[in-house]
PDB file of all heavy atoms in Angstrom:
ATOM      1  N   LYS A   1    -107.978-161.795  39.569  1.00  0.00           N
ATOM      2  CA  LYS A   1    -108.163-162.109  40.994  1.00  0.00           C
ATOM      3  C   LYS A   1    -106.865-161.996  41.798  1.00  0.00           C
ATOM      4  O   LYS A   1    -106.880-161.975  43.026  1.00  0.00           O
ATOM      5  CB  LYS A   1    -108.683-163.554  41.153  1.00  0.00           C
ATOM      6  CG  LYS A   1    -110.106-163.768  40.647  1.00  0.00           C
ATOM      7  CD  LYS A   1    -110.518-165.206  40.930  1.00  0.00           C
ATOM      8  CE  LYS A   1    -111.881-165.524  40.361  1.00  0.00           C
ATOM      9  NZ  LYS A   1    -112.185-166.925  40.533  1.00  0.00           N
ATOM     10  N   ALA A   2    -105.753-161.984  41.098  1.00  0.00           N
ATOM     11  CA  ALA A   2    -104.472-161.901  41.808  1.00  0.00           C
ATOM     12  C   ALA A   2    -103.412-161.252  40.887  1.00  0.00           C
ATOM     13  O   ALA A   2    -103.542-161.275  39.660  1.00  0.00           O
ATOM     14  CB  ALA A   2    -103.995-163.305  42.212  1.00  0.00           C
ATOM     15  N   LEU A   3    -102.444-160.657  41.521  1.00  0.00           N
ATOM     16  CA  LEU A   3    -101.350-160.024  40.793  1.00  0.00           C
ATOM     17  C   LEU A   3    -100.029-160.445  41.434  1.00  0.00           C
ATOM     18  O   LEU A   3     -99.866-160.410  42.647  1.00  0.00           O
ATOM     19  CB  LEU A   3    -101.472-158.498  40.878  1.00  0.00           C
ATOM     20  CG  LEU A   3    -100.278-157.680  40.321  1.00  0.00           C
ATOM     21  CD1 LEU A   3    -100.230-157.780  38.825  1.00  0.00           C
ATOM     22  CD2 LEU A   3    -100.383-156.206  40.762  1.00  0.00           C
ATOM     23  N   ILE A   4     -99.114-160.908  40.586  1.00  0.00           N
ATOM     24  CA  ILE A   4     -97.745-161.188  41.064  1.00  0.00           C
ATOM     25  C   ILE A   4     -96.898-159.995  40.658  1.00  0.00           C
ATOM     26  O   ILE A   4     -96.784-159.653  39.476  1.00  0.00           O
ATOM     27  CB  ILE A   4     -97.209-162.488  40.445  1.00  0.00           C
ATOM     28  CG1 ILE A   4     -98.079-163.679  40.833  1.00  0.00           C
ATOM     29  CG2 ILE A   4     -95.750-162.712  40.903  1.00  0.00           C
ATOM     30  CD1 ILE A   4     -97.778-164.976  40.077  1.00  0.00           C
ATOM     31  N   LEU A   5     -96.320-159.384  41.666  1.00  0.00           N
ATOM     32  CA  LEU A   5     -95.472-158.195  41.451  1.00  0.00           C
ATOM     33  C   LEU A   5     -94.047-158.645  41.491  1.00  0.00           C
ATOM     34  O   LEU A   5     -93.541-159.146  42.521  1.00  0.00           O
ATOM     35  CB  LEU A   5     -95.737-157.206  42.584  1.00  0.00           C
ATOM     36  CG  LEU A   5     -95.483-155.727  42.382  1.00  0.00           C
ATOM     37  CD1 LEU A   5     -96.323-155.188  41.239  1.00  0.00           C
ATOM     38  CD2 LEU A   5     -95.772-154.957  43.666  1.00  0.00           C
ATOM     39  N   ARG A   6     -93.325-158.512  40.379  1.00  0.00           N
ATOM     40  CA  ARG A   6     -91.913-158.910  40.348  1.00  0.00           C
ATOM     41  C   ARG A   6     -91.072-157.707  40.727  1.00  0.00           C
ATOM     42  O   ARG A   6     -90.821-156.819  39.904  1.00  0.00           O
ATOM     43  CB  ARG A   6     -91.552-159.456  38.974  1.00  0.00           C
ATOM     44  CG  ARG A   6     -92.482-160.591  38.568  1.00  0.00           C
ATOM     45  CD  ARG A   6     -91.775-161.621  37.718  1.00  0.00           C
ATOM     46  NE  ARG A   6     -90.761-162.345  38.462  1.00  0.00           N
ATOM     47  CZ  ARG A   6     -89.821-163.101  37.914  1.00  0.00           C
ATOM     48  NH1 ARG A   6     -89.771-163.233  36.612  1.00  0.00           N
ATOM     49  NH2 ARG A   6     -88.929-163.722  38.633  1.00  0.00           N
ATOM     50  N   SER A   7     -90.691-157.666  41.981  1.00  0.00           N
ATOM     51  CA  SER A   7     -90.070-156.471  42.565  1.00  0.00           C
ATOM     52  C   SER A   7     -88.548-156.556  42.504  1.00  0.00           C
ATOM     53  O   SER A   7     -87.980-157.543  42.082  1.00  0.00           O
ATOM     54  CB  SER A   7     -90.528-156.318  44.029  1.00  0.00           C
ATOM     55  OG  SER A   7     -90.118-157.481  44.740  1.00  0.00           O
ATOM     56  N   TYR A   8     -87.907-155.492  42.973  1.00  0.00           N
ATOM     57  CA  TYR A   8     -86.454-155.440  42.988  1.00  0.00           C
ATOM     58  C   TYR A   8     -85.910-156.110  44.266  1.00  0.00           C
ATOM     59  O   TYR A   8     -86.545-156.077  45.339  1.00  0.00           O
ATOM     60  CB  TYR A   8     -85.977-153.977  43.031  1.00  0.00           C
ATOM     61  CG  TYR A   8     -86.493-153.106  41.916  1.00  0.00           C
ATOM     62  CD1 TYR A   8     -87.072-151.869  42.193  1.00  0.00           C
ATOM     63  CD2 TYR A   8     -86.348-153.496  40.587  1.00  0.00           C
ATOM     64  CE1 TYR A   8     -87.527-151.040  41.168  1.00  0.00           C
ATOM     65  CE2 TYR A   8     -86.812-152.667  39.539  1.00  0.00           C
ATOM     66  CZ  TYR A   8     -87.393-151.435  39.852  1.00  0.00           C
ATOM     67  OH  TYR A   8     -87.846-150.622  38.855  1.00  0.00           O
ATOM     68  N   GLY A   9     -84.731-156.695  44.154  1.00  0.00           N
ATOM     69  CA  GLY A   9     -83.983-157.176  45.340  1.00  0.00           C
ATOM     70  C   GLY A   9     -84.795-157.986  46.318  1.00  0.00           C
ATOM     71  O   GLY A   9     -85.355-159.026  45.965  1.00  0.00           O
ATOM     72  N   VAL A  10     -84.845-157.523  47.552  1.00  0.00           N
ATOM     73  CA  VAL A  10     -85.543-158.262  48.613  1.00  0.00           C
ATOM     74  C   VAL A  10     -87.023-157.893  48.707  1.00  0.00           C
ATOM     75  O   VAL A  10     -87.679-158.145  49.726  1.00  0.00           O
ATOM     76  CB  VAL A  10     -84.852-158.071  49.996  1.00  0.00           C
ATOM     77  CG1 VAL A  10     -83.471-158.719  50.021  1.00  0.00           C
ATOM     78  CG2 VAL A  10     -84.796-156.588  50.400  1.00  0.00           C
ATOM     79  N   GLY A  11     -87.572-157.333  47.631  1.00  0.00           N
ATOM     80  CA  GLY A  11     -88.987-157.031  47.610  1.00  0.00           C
ATOM     81  C   GLY A  11     -89.303-155.544  47.603  1.00  0.00           C
ATOM     82  O   GLY A  11     -90.305-155.119  48.114  1.00  0.00           O
ATOM     83  N   ASN A  12     -88.420-154.752  46.984  1.00  0.00           N
ATOM     84  CA  ASN A  12     -88.585-153.320  46.956  1.00  0.00           C
ATOM     85  C   ASN A  12     -89.278-152.852  45.670  1.00  0.00           C
ATOM     86  O   ASN A  12     -89.166-153.481  44.621  1.00  0.00           O
ATOM     87  CB  ASN A  12     -87.222-152.612  47.071  1.00  0.00           C
ATOM     88  CG  ASN A  12     -86.541-152.977  48.368  1.00  0.00           C
ATOM     89  OD1 ASN A  12     -87.166-153.021  49.419  1.00  0.00           O
ATOM     90  ND2 ASN A  12     -85.244-153.283  48.295  1.00  0.00           N
ATOM     91  N   ALA A  13     -90.000-151.734  45.800  1.00  0.00           N
ATOM     92  CA  ALA A  13     -90.696-151.125  44.676  1.00  0.00           C
ATOM     93  C   ALA A  13     -90.602-149.624  44.807  1.00  0.00           C
ATOM     94  O   ALA A  13     -90.345-149.113  45.893  1.00  0.00           O
ATOM     95  CB  ALA A  13     -92.174-151.578  44.689  1.00  0.00           C
ATOM     96  N   PRO A  14     -90.805-148.883  43.708  1.00  0.00           N
ATOM     97  CA  PRO A  14     -90.748-147.422  43.826  1.00  0.00           C
ATOM     98  C   PRO A  14     -91.776-146.876  44.829  1.00  0.00           C
ATOM     99  O   PRO A  14     -92.902-147.350  44.833  1.00  0.00           O
ATOM    100  CB  PRO A  14     -91.041-146.920  42.409  1.00  0.00           C
ATOM    101  CG  PRO A  14     -91.396-148.091  41.586  1.00  0.00           C
ATOM    102  CD  PRO A  14     -91.111-149.329  42.350  1.00  0.00           C
ATOM    103  N   GLN A  15     -91.354-145.922  45.619  1.00  0.00           N
ATOM    104  CA  GLN A  15     -92.304-145.301  46.583  1.00  0.00           C
ATOM    105  C   GLN A  15     -93.084-144.206  45.849  1.00  0.00           C
ATOM    106  O   GLN A  15     -93.046-143.044  46.205  1.00  0.00           O
ATOM    107  CB  GLN A  15     -91.564-144.775  47.782  1.00  0.00           C
ATOM    108  CG  GLN A  15     -91.344-145.811  48.869  1.00  0.00           C
ATOM    109  CD  GLN A  15     -90.865-145.224  50.151  1.00  0.00           C
ATOM    110  OE1 GLN A  15     -89.839-144.494  50.175  1.00  0.00           O
ATOM    111  NE2 GLN A  15     -91.517-145.479  51.241  1.00  0.00           N
ATOM    112  N   ASP A  16     -93.808-144.635  44.865  1.00  0.00           N
ATOM    113  CA  ASP A  16     -94.617-143.747  44.027  1.00  0.00           C
ATOM    114  C   ASP A  16     -96.034-143.764  44.577  1.00  0.00           C
ATOM    115  O   ASP A  16     -96.646-144.828  44.671  1.00  0.00           O
ATOM    116  CB  ASP A  16     -94.547-144.260  42.588  1.00  0.00           C
ATOM    117  CG  ASP A  16     -95.385-143.475  41.615  1.00  0.00           C
ATOM    118  OD1 ASP A  16     -96.611-143.342  41.874  1.00  0.00           O
ATOM    119  OD2 ASP A  16     -94.853-143.042  40.578  1.00  0.00           O
ATOM    120  N   LYS A  17     -96.548-142.610  44.975  1.00  0.00           N
ATOM    121  CA  LYS A  17     -97.851-142.575  45.611  1.00  0.00           C
ATOM    122  C   LYS A  17     -98.958-143.177  44.750  1.00  0.00           C
ATOM    123  O   LYS A  17     -99.850-143.878  45.247  1.00  0.00           O
ATOM    124  CB  LYS A  17     -98.206-141.112  45.975  1.00  0.00           C
ATOM    125  CG  LYS A  17     -97.506-140.622  47.223  1.00  0.00           C
ATOM    126  CD  LYS A  17     -97.882-139.212  47.575  1.00  0.00           C
ATOM    127  CE  LYS A  17     -97.099-138.744  48.809  1.00  0.00           C
ATOM    128  NZ  LYS A  17     -97.346-137.319  49.067  1.00  0.00           N
ATOM    129  N   ALA A  18     -98.887-142.913  43.434  1.00  0.00           N
ATOM    130  CA  ALA A  18     -99.920-143.427  42.533  1.00  0.00           C
ATOM    131  C   ALA A  18     -99.878-144.948  42.447  1.00  0.00           C
ATOM    132  O   ALA A  18    -100.907-145.610  42.437  1.00  0.00           O
ATOM    133  CB  ALA A  18     -99.768-142.792  41.152  1.00  0.00           C
ATOM    134  N   ILE A  19     -98.665-145.525  42.438  1.00  0.00           N
ATOM    135  CA  ILE A  19     -98.513-146.984  42.384  1.00  0.00           C
ATOM    136  C   ILE A  19     -99.012-147.591  43.685  1.00  0.00           C
ATOM    137  O   ILE A  19     -99.773-148.594  43.647  1.00  0.00           O
ATOM    138  CB  ILE A  19     -97.017-147.406  42.096  1.00  0.00           C
ATOM    139  CG1 ILE A  19     -96.646-147.082  40.654  1.00  0.00           C
ATOM    140  CG2 ILE A  19     -96.798-148.867  42.415  1.00  0.00           C
ATOM    141  CD1 ILE A  19     -95.211-147.334  40.302  1.00  0.00           C
ATOM    142  N   LEU A  20     -98.653-147.017  44.808  1.00  0.00           N
ATOM    143  CA  LEU A  20     -99.096-147.539  46.093  1.00  0.00           C
ATOM    144  C   LEU A  20    -100.622-147.425  46.240  1.00  0.00           C
ATOM    145  O   LEU A  20    -101.272-148.362  46.754  1.00  0.00           O
ATOM    146  CB  LEU A  20     -98.404-146.808  47.254  1.00  0.00           C
ATOM    147  CG  LEU A  20     -96.869-147.067  47.367  1.00  0.00           C
ATOM    148  CD1 LEU A  20     -96.241-146.141  48.374  1.00  0.00           C
ATOM    149  CD2 LEU A  20     -96.579-148.516  47.698  1.00  0.00           C
ATOM    150  N   ALA A  21    -101.197-146.350  45.738  1.00  0.00           N
ATOM    151  CA  ALA A  21    -102.663-146.181  45.780  1.00  0.00           C
ATOM    152  C   ALA A  21    -103.327-147.227  44.901  1.00  0.00           C
ATOM    153  O   ALA A  21    -104.399-147.774  45.261  1.00  0.00           O
ATOM    154  CB  ALA A  21    -103.029-144.774  45.317  1.00  0.00           C
ATOM    155  N   CYS A  22    -102.724-147.534  43.784  1.00  0.00           N
ATOM    156  CA  CYS A  22    -103.244-148.562  42.857  1.00  0.00           C
ATOM    157  C   CYS A  22    -103.222-149.930  43.535  1.00  0.00           C
ATOM    158  O   CYS A  22    -104.216-150.711  43.441  1.00  0.00           O
ATOM    159  CB  CYS A  22    -102.365-148.552  41.617  1.00  0.00           C
ATOM    160  SG  CYS A  22    -102.895-149.692  40.352  1.00  0.00           S
ATOM    161  N   LEU A  23    -102.138-150.249  44.257  1.00  0.00           N
ATOM    162  CA  LEU A  23    -102.042-151.525  44.928  1.00  0.00           C
ATOM    163  C   LEU A  23    -103.014-151.618  46.133  1.00  0.00           C
ATOM    164  O   LEU A  23    -103.554-152.661  46.440  1.00  0.00           O
ATOM    165  CB  LEU A  23    -100.600-151.767  45.398  1.00  0.00           C
ATOM    166  CG  LEU A  23     -99.577-151.915  44.257  1.00  0.00           C
ATOM    167  CD1 LEU A  23     -98.146-151.948  44.815  1.00  0.00           C
ATOM    168  CD2 LEU A  23     -99.834-153.160  43.434  1.00  0.00           C
ATOM    169  N   LYS A  24    -103.224-150.459  46.779  1.00  0.00           N
ATOM    170  CA  LYS A  24    -104.175-150.421  47.874  1.00  0.00           C
ATOM    171  C   LYS A  24    -105.595-150.661  47.350  1.00  0.00           C
ATOM    172  O   LYS A  24    -106.410-151.379  47.962  1.00  0.00           O
ATOM    173  CB  LYS A  24    -104.102-149.059  48.589  1.00  0.00           C
ATOM    174  CG  LYS A  24    -104.875-148.981  49.904  1.00  0.00           C
ATOM    175  CD  LYS A  24    -104.476-147.721  50.669  1.00  0.00           C
ATOM    176  CE  LYS A  24    -105.012-147.747  52.098  1.00  0.00           C
ATOM    177  NZ  LYS A  24    -106.456-147.638  52.170  1.00  0.00           N
ATOM    178  N   LYS A  25    -105.886-150.099  46.181  1.00  0.00           N
ATOM    179  CA  LYS A  25    -107.193-150.309  45.554  1.00  0.00           C
ATOM    180  C   LYS A  25    -107.392-151.789  45.198  1.00  0.00           C
ATOM    181  O   LYS A  25    -108.493-152.320  45.346  1.00  0.00           O
ATOM    182  CB  LYS A  25    -107.308-149.432  44.270  1.00  0.00           C
ATOM    183  CG  LYS A  25    -108.688-149.426  43.663  1.00  0.00           C
ATOM    184  CD  LYS A  25    -108.763-148.505  42.445  1.00  0.00           C
ATOM    185  CE  LYS A  25    -108.266-149.223  41.196  1.00  0.00           C
ATOM    186  NZ  LYS A  25    -108.390-148.400  39.973  1.00  0.00           N
ATOM    187  N   ALA A  26    -106.301-152.437  44.770  1.00  0.00           N
ATOM    188  CA  ALA A  26    -106.386-153.867  44.436  1.00  0.00           C
ATOM    189  C   ALA A  26    -106.798-154.662  45.686  1.00  0.00           C
ATOM    190  O   ALA A  26    -107.658-155.515  45.622  1.00  0.00           O
ATOM    191  CB  ALA A  26    -105.021-154.351  43.917  1.00  0.00           C
ATOM    192  N   GLN A  27    -106.159-154.335  46.793  1.00  0.00           N
ATOM    193  CA  GLN A  27    -106.505-155.002  48.059  1.00  0.00           C
ATOM    194  C   GLN A  27    -107.956-154.773  48.426  1.00  0.00           C
ATOM    195  O   GLN A  27    -108.679-155.710  48.835  1.00  0.00           O
ATOM    196  CB  GLN A  27    -105.553-154.433  49.155  1.00  0.00           C
ATOM    197  CG  GLN A  27    -106.021-154.540  50.580  1.00  0.00           C
ATOM    198  CD  GLN A  27    -105.670-155.885  51.217  1.00  0.00           C
ATOM    199  OE1 GLN A  27    -105.064-156.737  50.606  1.00  0.00           O
ATOM    200  NE2 GLN A  27    -106.064-156.050  52.450  1.00  0.00           N
ATOM    201  N   GLU A  28    -108.446-153.547  48.263  1.00  0.00           N
ATOM    202  CA  GLU A  28    -109.841-153.218  48.577  1.00  0.00           C
ATOM    203  C   GLU A  28    -110.811-153.970  47.669  1.00  0.00           C
ATOM    204  O   GLU A  28    -111.931-154.295  48.049  1.00  0.00           O
ATOM    205  CB  GLU A  28    -110.062-151.691  48.467  1.00  0.00           C
ATOM    206  CG  GLU A  28    -109.419-150.938  49.628  1.00  0.00           C
ATOM    207  CD  GLU A  28    -109.215-149.451  49.339  1.00  0.00           C
ATOM    208  OE1 GLU A  28    -109.587-149.000  48.225  1.00  0.00           O
ATOM    209  OE2 GLU A  28    -108.684-148.754  50.224  1.00  0.00           O
ATOM    210  N   ASN A  29    -110.363-154.253  46.434  1.00  0.00           N
ATOM    211  CA  ASN A  29    -111.189-155.011  45.487  1.00  0.00           C
ATOM    212  C   ASN A  29    -110.974-156.510  45.593  1.00  0.00           C
ATOM    213  O   ASN A  29    -111.378-157.287  44.725  1.00  0.00           O
ATOM    214  CB  ASN A  29    -110.877-154.550  44.035  1.00  0.00           C
ATOM    215  CG  ASN A  29    -111.341-153.138  43.772  1.00  0.00           C
ATOM    216  OD1 ASN A  29    -112.214-152.648  44.454  1.00  0.00           O
ATOM    217  ND2 ASN A  29    -110.749-152.504  42.771  1.00  0.00           N
ATOM    218  N   GLU A  30    -110.316-156.917  46.673  1.00  0.00           N
ATOM    219  CA  GLU A  30    -110.046-158.320  46.962  1.00  0.00           C
ATOM    220  C   GLU A  30    -109.230-159.000  45.843  1.00  0.00           C
ATOM    221  O   GLU A  30    -109.493-160.133  45.440  1.00  0.00           O
ATOM    222  CB  GLU A  30    -111.327-159.097  47.260  1.00  0.00           C
ATOM    223  CG  GLU A  30    -112.023-158.573  48.524  1.00  0.00           C
ATOM    224  CD  GLU A  30    -112.955-159.588  49.184  1.00  0.00           C
ATOM    225  OE1 GLU A  30    -113.374-160.552  48.505  1.00  0.00           O
ATOM    226  OE2 GLU A  30    -113.206-159.417  50.400  1.00  0.00           O
ATOM    227  N   ILE A  31    -108.247-158.262  45.351  1.00  0.00           N
ATOM    228  CA  ILE A  31    -107.249-158.827  44.435  1.00  0.00           C
ATOM    229  C   ILE A  31    -105.993-159.066  45.245  1.00  0.00           C
ATOM    230  O   ILE A  31    -105.447-158.125  45.853  1.00  0.00           O
ATOM    231  CB  ILE A  31    -106.958-157.859  43.247  1.00  0.00           C
ATOM    232  CG1 ILE A  31    -108.228-157.688  42.397  1.00  0.00           C
ATOM    233  CG2 ILE A  31    -105.808-158.391  42.391  1.00  0.00           C
ATOM    234  CD1 ILE A  31    -108.143-156.531  41.421  1.00  0.00           C
ATOM    235  N   ILE A  32    -105.541-160.296  45.312  1.00  0.00           N
ATOM    236  CA  ILE A  32    -104.368-160.654  46.114  1.00  0.00           C
ATOM    237  C   ILE A  32    -103.123-160.210  45.353  1.00  0.00           C
ATOM    238  O   ILE A  32    -102.943-160.544  44.184  1.00  0.00           O
ATOM    239  CB  ILE A  32    -104.327-162.173  46.367  1.00  0.00           C
ATOM    240  CG1 ILE A  32    -105.471-162.551  47.315  1.00  0.00           C
ATOM    241  CG2 ILE A  32    -103.006-162.620  46.955  1.00  0.00           C
ATOM    242  CD1 ILE A  32    -106.054-163.898  47.052  1.00  0.00           C
TER     243      ILE A  32
END
């Protein structure tokens, strides 16, 4: 139901299209 993303620095993550698409899909599936 939820995912905690442990990111770099002030909240940065790789600008990888596949990763961003995966996170967008999580939001669409109502995963916080």
